[in-house]
Amino acid sequence: TIWFNDDRFFKMKPTLVYFIFGGLLGFGLLRNKSYLEYVMEDMLPLEVKGWMILTKRVSIFFLLLGISNEIVWRNMSTNSWVNFKTFGLTGALFLFFICQSSLIKKYTKNSID
């Protein structure tokens, strides 16, 4: 924002970040790999099928977040966009991952002690 001296860059940054994350995850899926698994496998022990499903959902979700950010910042006031970014996008991320709990439960690896 300071470099370009334009607040549009600040508003577009979440879109770029979401598109990059969603695109990278989607690219991994095209290669039949879950890049999400590479990053999170130690924290979340899922079966391969579970990782693929979760990665697909997260990729689509990030792309939808990017699209929604573009729609809001281009059609609403800066104050509305700030509220959307602060509360809307954060709430959507939180709600999305809560909704993935049944998938995580279903595909969690059974550990044998």
N, C-alpha and C. Protein backbone atom coordinates (compact mmCIF):
# COMPACT_ATOMS: atom_id res chain seq x y z
N THR A 1 0.83 -1.20 0.00
CA THR A 1 0.00 0.00 0.00
C THR A 1 0.87 1.25 0.00
N ILE A 2 1.88 1.27 0.84
CA ILE A 2 2.77 2.43 0.91
C ILE A 2 3.57 2.55 -0.38
N TRP A 3 4.04 1.43 -0.90
CA TRP A 3 4.85 1.44 -2.11
C TRP A 3 4.06 2.02 -3.29
N PHE A 4 2.81 1.52 -3.47
CA PHE A 4 1.99 1.97 -4.59
C PHE A 4 1.19 3.22 -4.27
N ASN A 5 1.09 3.58 -2.99
CA ASN A 5 0.31 4.72 -2.54
C ASN A 5 -1.14 4.65 -3.07
N ASP A 6 -1.71 3.45 -2.96
CA ASP A 6 -3.05 3.21 -3.50
C ASP A 6 -3.75 2.19 -2.60
N ASP A 7 -4.89 2.57 -2.02
CA ASP A 7 -5.59 1.65 -1.11
C ASP A 7 -6.24 0.48 -1.84
N ARG A 8 -6.33 0.55 -3.17
CA ARG A 8 -6.89 -0.59 -3.92
C ARG A 8 -6.02 -1.83 -3.76
N PHE A 9 -4.70 -1.63 -3.70
CA PHE A 9 -3.81 -2.77 -3.50
C PHE A 9 -4.10 -3.45 -2.18
N PHE A 10 -4.33 -2.67 -1.14
CA PHE A 10 -4.64 -3.22 0.17
C PHE A 10 -5.92 -4.05 0.12
N LYS A 11 -6.91 -3.57 -0.64
CA LYS A 11 -8.18 -4.28 -0.76
C LYS A 11 -8.07 -5.52 -1.63
N MET A 12 -7.15 -5.49 -2.59
CA MET A 12 -6.97 -6.63 -3.48
C MET A 12 -6.08 -7.72 -2.88
N LYS A 13 -5.30 -7.38 -1.87
CA LYS A 13 -4.34 -8.33 -1.30
C LYS A 13 -5.00 -9.60 -0.80
N PRO A 14 -6.12 -9.55 -0.05
CA PRO A 14 -6.75 -10.80 0.37
C PRO A 14 -7.18 -11.67 -0.81
N THR A 15 -7.67 -11.03 -1.88
CA THR A 15 -8.05 -11.78 -3.08
C THR A 15 -6.85 -12.52 -3.64
N LEU A 16 -5.73 -11.82 -3.76
CA LEU A 16 -4.53 -12.45 -4.29
C LEU A 16 -4.06 -13.60 -3.42
N VAL A 17 -4.06 -13.40 -2.12
CA VAL A 17 -3.63 -14.45 -1.20
C VAL A 17 -4.55 -15.66 -1.29
N TYR A 18 -5.86 -15.44 -1.29
CA TYR A 18 -6.81 -16.56 -1.38
C TYR A 18 -6.69 -17.28 -2.72
N PHE A 19 -6.52 -16.53 -3.81
CA PHE A 19 -6.37 -17.16 -5.12
C PHE A 19 -5.07 -17.96 -5.21
N ILE A 20 -4.00 -17.44 -4.62
CA ILE A 20 -2.73 -18.18 -4.63
C ILE A 20 -2.86 -19.47 -3.83
N PHE A 21 -3.41 -19.40 -2.61
CA PHE A 21 -3.58 -20.61 -1.81
C PHE A 21 -4.51 -21.61 -2.50
N GLY A 22 -5.66 -21.14 -2.96
CA GLY A 22 -6.61 -22.02 -3.64
C GLY A 22 -6.03 -22.61 -4.91
N GLY A 23 -5.29 -21.79 -5.65
CA GLY A 23 -4.66 -22.26 -6.88
C GLY A 23 -3.58 -23.29 -6.63
N LEU A 24 -2.75 -23.05 -5.63
CA LEU A 24 -1.70 -24.03 -5.30
C LEU A 24 -2.29 -25.36 -4.86
N LEU A 25 -3.32 -25.30 -4.02
CA LEU A 25 -3.96 -26.54 -3.58
C LEU A 25 -4.63 -27.25 -4.75
N GLY A 26 -5.27 -26.48 -5.64
CA GLY A 26 -5.89 -27.05 -6.83
C GLY A 26 -4.86 -27.67 -7.77
N PHE A 27 -3.71 -27.01 -7.93
CA PHE A 27 -2.63 -27.55 -8.75
C PHE A 27 -2.14 -28.89 -8.17
N GLY A 28 -2.02 -28.94 -6.86
CA GLY A 28 -1.63 -30.21 -6.22
C GLY A 28 -2.65 -31.30 -6.49
N LEU A 29 -3.92 -30.96 -6.44
CA LEU A 29 -4.96 -31.95 -6.72
C LEU A 29 -4.88 -32.46 -8.15
N LEU A 30 -4.56 -31.57 -9.09
CA LEU A 30 -4.39 -32.00 -10.48
C LEU A 30 -3.23 -32.98 -10.62
N ARG A 31 -2.25 -32.86 -9.74
CA ARG A 31 -1.10 -33.78 -9.71
C ARG A 31 -1.37 -34.99 -8.82
N ASN A 32 -2.62 -35.07 -8.32
CA ASN A 32 -3.04 -36.16 -7.43
C ASN A 32 -2.25 -36.17 -6.12
N LYS A 33 -1.96 -34.97 -5.63
CA LYS A 33 -1.26 -34.80 -4.35
C LYS A 33 -2.01 -33.80 -3.50
N SER A 34 -1.91 -33.97 -2.21
CA SER A 34 -2.51 -33.02 -1.28
C SER A 34 -1.40 -32.21 -0.63
N TYR A 35 -1.22 -30.96 -1.10
CA TYR A 35 -0.21 -30.11 -0.50
C TYR A 35 -0.59 -29.73 0.93
N LEU A 36 -1.87 -29.76 1.23
CA LEU A 36 -2.33 -29.50 2.59
C LEU A 36 -1.80 -30.58 3.54
N GLU A 37 -1.76 -31.80 3.05
CA GLU A 37 -1.23 -32.90 3.86
C GLU A 37 0.24 -32.67 4.20
N TYR A 38 1.03 -32.20 3.23
CA TYR A 38 2.44 -31.93 3.48
C TYR A 38 2.64 -30.93 4.60
N VAL A 39 1.76 -29.97 4.68
CA VAL A 39 1.89 -28.90 5.67
C VAL A 39 1.34 -29.31 7.03
N MET A 40 0.25 -30.10 7.05
CA MET A 40 -0.47 -30.33 8.29
C MET A 40 -0.48 -31.78 8.78
N GLU A 41 0.23 -32.69 8.12
CA GLU A 41 0.09 -34.10 8.47
C GLU A 41 0.50 -34.42 9.91
N ASP A 42 1.44 -33.71 10.47
CA ASP A 42 1.85 -33.98 11.85
C ASP A 42 0.80 -33.52 12.86
N MET A 43 0.03 -32.49 12.50
CA MET A 43 -0.99 -31.96 13.42
C MET A 43 -2.33 -32.67 13.28
N LEU A 44 -2.58 -33.26 12.11
CA LEU A 44 -3.88 -33.83 11.81
C LEU A 44 -3.68 -35.14 11.05
N PRO A 45 -3.66 -36.27 11.76
CA PRO A 45 -3.41 -37.55 11.11
C PRO A 45 -4.65 -38.09 10.38
N LEU A 46 -4.73 -37.81 9.07
CA LEU A 46 -5.86 -38.27 8.28
C LEU A 46 -5.40 -39.32 7.27
N GLU A 47 -6.36 -40.13 6.82
CA GLU A 47 -6.10 -41.06 5.73
C GLU A 47 -5.94 -40.26 4.44
N VAL A 48 -5.33 -40.85 3.44
CA VAL A 48 -5.07 -40.16 2.18
C VAL A 48 -6.37 -39.64 1.55
N LYS A 49 -7.42 -40.46 1.55
CA LYS A 49 -8.69 -40.04 0.97
C LYS A 49 -9.24 -38.81 1.70
N GLY A 50 -9.11 -38.78 3.00
CA GLY A 50 -9.56 -37.64 3.79
C GLY A 50 -8.80 -36.37 3.43
N TRP A 51 -7.48 -36.50 3.23
CA TRP A 51 -6.67 -35.34 2.85
C TRP A 51 -7.09 -34.82 1.48
N MET A 52 -7.37 -35.72 0.56
CA MET A 52 -7.76 -35.29 -0.78
C MET A 52 -9.10 -34.55 -0.74
N ILE A 53 -10.05 -35.07 0.01
CA ILE A 53 -11.36 -34.41 0.12
C ILE A 53 -11.21 -33.05 0.80
N LEU A 54 -10.48 -33.01 1.90
CA LEU A 54 -10.28 -31.76 2.62
C LEU A 54 -9.56 -30.73 1.75
N THR A 55 -8.55 -31.16 1.03
CA THR A 55 -7.81 -30.25 0.16
C THR A 55 -8.71 -29.68 -0.93
N LYS A 56 -9.55 -30.52 -1.51
CA LYS A 56 -10.47 -30.05 -2.54
C LYS A 56 -11.43 -29.00 -1.96
N ARG A 57 -11.96 -29.28 -0.79
CA ARG A 57 -12.89 -28.34 -0.16
C ARG A 57 -12.21 -27.02 0.19
N VAL A 58 -11.01 -27.10 0.74
CA VAL A 58 -10.28 -25.88 1.13
C VAL A 58 -9.92 -25.07 -0.12
N SER A 59 -9.49 -25.73 -1.18
CA SER A 59 -9.15 -25.04 -2.42
C SER A 59 -10.35 -24.28 -2.97
N ILE A 60 -11.48 -24.94 -3.06
CA ILE A 60 -12.70 -24.29 -3.55
C ILE A 60 -13.12 -23.15 -2.63
N PHE A 61 -13.01 -23.39 -1.33
CA PHE A 61 -13.39 -22.37 -0.36
C PHE A 61 -12.53 -21.11 -0.50
N PHE A 62 -11.21 -21.29 -0.64
CA PHE A 62 -10.33 -20.13 -0.82
C PHE A 62 -10.65 -19.37 -2.10
N LEU A 63 -10.94 -20.09 -3.17
CA LEU A 63 -11.31 -19.41 -4.41
C LEU A 63 -12.61 -18.63 -4.25
N LEU A 64 -13.56 -19.18 -3.53
CA LEU A 64 -14.82 -18.47 -3.26
C LEU A 64 -14.60 -17.25 -2.37
N LEU A 65 -13.71 -17.37 -1.39
CA LEU A 65 -13.39 -16.21 -0.56
C LEU A 65 -12.77 -15.10 -1.39
N GLY A 66 -11.89 -15.45 -2.31
CA GLY A 66 -11.28 -14.45 -3.18
C GLY A 66 -12.30 -13.75 -4.04
N ILE A 67 -13.23 -14.51 -4.59
CA ILE A 67 -14.29 -13.92 -5.42
C ILE A 67 -15.18 -13.01 -4.58
N SER A 68 -15.53 -13.48 -3.38
CA SER A 68 -16.40 -12.65 -2.53
C SER A 68 -15.70 -11.36 -2.10
N ASN A 69 -14.41 -11.42 -1.83
CA ASN A 69 -13.66 -10.21 -1.48
C ASN A 69 -13.67 -9.22 -2.64
N GLU A 70 -13.48 -9.72 -3.85
CA GLU A 70 -13.51 -8.84 -5.03
C GLU A 70 -14.87 -8.17 -5.17
N ILE A 71 -15.93 -8.93 -5.01
CA ILE A 71 -17.28 -8.37 -5.15
C ILE A 71 -17.52 -7.28 -4.11
N VAL A 72 -17.14 -7.57 -2.87
CA VAL A 72 -17.40 -6.61 -1.79
C VAL A 72 -16.58 -5.34 -1.95
N TRP A 73 -15.28 -5.44 -2.17
CA TRP A 73 -14.48 -4.21 -2.21
C TRP A 73 -14.79 -3.36 -3.44
N ARG A 74 -15.25 -3.98 -4.51
CA ARG A 74 -15.56 -3.20 -5.71
C ARG A 74 -16.95 -2.55 -5.67
N ASN A 75 -17.84 -3.08 -4.82
CA ASN A 75 -19.23 -2.61 -4.82
C ASN A 75 -19.67 -1.94 -3.53
N MET A 76 -18.82 -1.92 -2.52
CA MET A 76 -19.23 -1.34 -1.24
C MET A 76 -18.21 -0.30 -0.79
N SER A 77 -18.56 0.43 0.24
CA SER A 77 -17.66 1.45 0.77
C SER A 77 -16.47 0.79 1.47
N THR A 78 -15.45 1.59 1.71
CA THR A 78 -14.26 1.08 2.41
C THR A 78 -14.62 0.58 3.80
N ASN A 79 -15.48 1.32 4.53
CA ASN A 79 -15.87 0.88 5.87
C ASN A 79 -16.60 -0.46 5.82
N SER A 80 -17.46 -0.66 4.84
CA SER A 80 -18.16 -1.93 4.70
C SER A 80 -17.19 -3.05 4.39
N TRP A 81 -16.21 -2.74 3.51
CA TRP A 81 -15.22 -3.76 3.18
C TRP A 81 -14.37 -4.13 4.40
N VAL A 82 -13.99 -3.15 5.20
CA VAL A 82 -13.19 -3.44 6.40
C VAL A 82 -13.98 -4.34 7.35
N ASN A 83 -15.26 -4.05 7.54
CA ASN A 83 -16.09 -4.91 8.39
C ASN A 83 -16.21 -6.31 7.80
N PHE A 84 -16.40 -6.40 6.49
CA PHE A 84 -16.49 -7.70 5.83
C PHE A 84 -15.20 -8.49 6.01
N LYS A 85 -14.06 -7.83 5.79
CA LYS A 85 -12.77 -8.50 5.91
C LYS A 85 -12.51 -8.93 7.35
N THR A 86 -12.79 -8.04 8.28
CA THR A 86 -12.50 -8.32 9.68
C THR A 86 -13.41 -9.38 10.26
N PHE A 87 -14.70 -9.24 10.04
CA PHE A 87 -15.65 -10.16 10.67
C PHE A 87 -16.17 -11.23 9.72
N GLY A 88 -16.48 -10.84 8.49
CA GLY A 88 -17.07 -11.78 7.54
C GLY A 88 -16.12 -12.88 7.12
N LEU A 89 -14.93 -12.49 6.64
CA LEU A 89 -13.98 -13.50 6.18
C LEU A 89 -13.45 -14.34 7.33
N THR A 90 -13.19 -13.72 8.45
CA THR A 90 -12.71 -14.46 9.62
C THR A 90 -13.78 -15.44 10.10
N GLY A 91 -15.01 -14.97 10.19
CA GLY A 91 -16.12 -15.84 10.59
C GLY A 91 -16.34 -16.97 9.61
N ALA A 92 -16.22 -16.68 8.32
CA ALA A 92 -16.39 -17.72 7.31
C ALA A 92 -15.33 -18.80 7.44
N LEU A 93 -14.08 -18.40 7.66
CA LEU A 93 -13.00 -19.39 7.87
C LEU A 93 -13.27 -20.26 9.09
N PHE A 94 -13.66 -19.63 10.18
CA PHE A 94 -13.94 -20.35 11.41
C PHE A 94 -15.09 -21.33 11.19
N LEU A 95 -16.17 -20.87 10.61
CA LEU A 95 -17.34 -21.72 10.35
C LEU A 95 -17.01 -22.86 9.38
N PHE A 96 -16.24 -22.55 8.35
CA PHE A 96 -15.86 -23.58 7.39
C PHE A 96 -15.13 -24.73 8.07
N PHE A 97 -14.14 -24.42 8.89
CA PHE A 97 -13.37 -25.49 9.52
C PHE A 97 -14.16 -26.23 10.59
N ILE A 98 -15.10 -25.58 11.23
CA ILE A 98 -15.99 -26.28 12.15
C ILE A 98 -16.84 -27.28 11.36
N CYS A 99 -17.29 -26.87 10.18
CA CYS A 99 -18.11 -27.76 9.35
C CYS A 99 -17.33 -28.95 8.82
N GLN A 100 -16.02 -28.90 8.87
CA GLN A 100 -15.20 -30.01 8.39
C GLN A 100 -14.95 -31.06 9.48
N SER A 101 -15.51 -30.86 10.66
CA SER A 101 -15.24 -31.78 11.78
C SER A 101 -15.73 -33.19 11.49
N SER A 102 -16.85 -33.35 10.80
CA SER A 102 -17.34 -34.70 10.50
C SER A 102 -16.40 -35.40 9.52
N LEU A 103 -15.85 -34.69 8.56
CA LEU A 103 -14.88 -35.27 7.64
C LEU A 103 -13.62 -35.69 8.39
N ILE A 104 -13.18 -34.83 9.28
CA ILE A 104 -11.98 -35.12 10.06
C ILE A 104 -12.21 -36.33 10.95
N LYS A 105 -13.36 -36.40 11.58
CA LYS A 105 -13.70 -37.56 12.43
C LYS A 105 -13.71 -38.85 11.61
N LYS A 106 -14.32 -38.78 10.44
CA LYS A 106 -14.48 -39.97 9.60
C LYS A 106 -13.13 -40.51 9.09
N TYR A 107 -12.21 -39.63 8.75
CA TYR A 107 -10.97 -40.06 8.11
C TYR A 107 -9.72 -39.98 9.02
N THR A 108 -9.91 -39.76 10.31
CA THR A 108 -8.78 -39.75 11.22
C THR A 108 -8.20 -41.16 11.33
N LYS A 109 -6.87 -41.24 11.24
CA LYS A 109 -6.21 -42.54 11.35
C LYS A 109 -6.37 -43.06 12.76
N ASN A 110 -6.62 -44.34 12.87
CA ASN A 110 -6.69 -44.97 14.19
C ASN A 110 -5.28 -45.25 14.65
N SER A 111 -4.91 -44.69 15.77
CA SER A 111 -3.56 -44.94 16.29
C SER A 111 -3.59 -46.10 17.26
N ILE A 112 -2.59 -46.93 17.13
CA ILE A 112 -2.46 -48.09 18.03
C ILE A 112 -1.33 -47.78 18.99
N ASP A 113 -1.66 -47.76 20.27
CA ASP A 113 -0.64 -47.43 21.30
C ASP A 113 0.14 -48.65 21.68
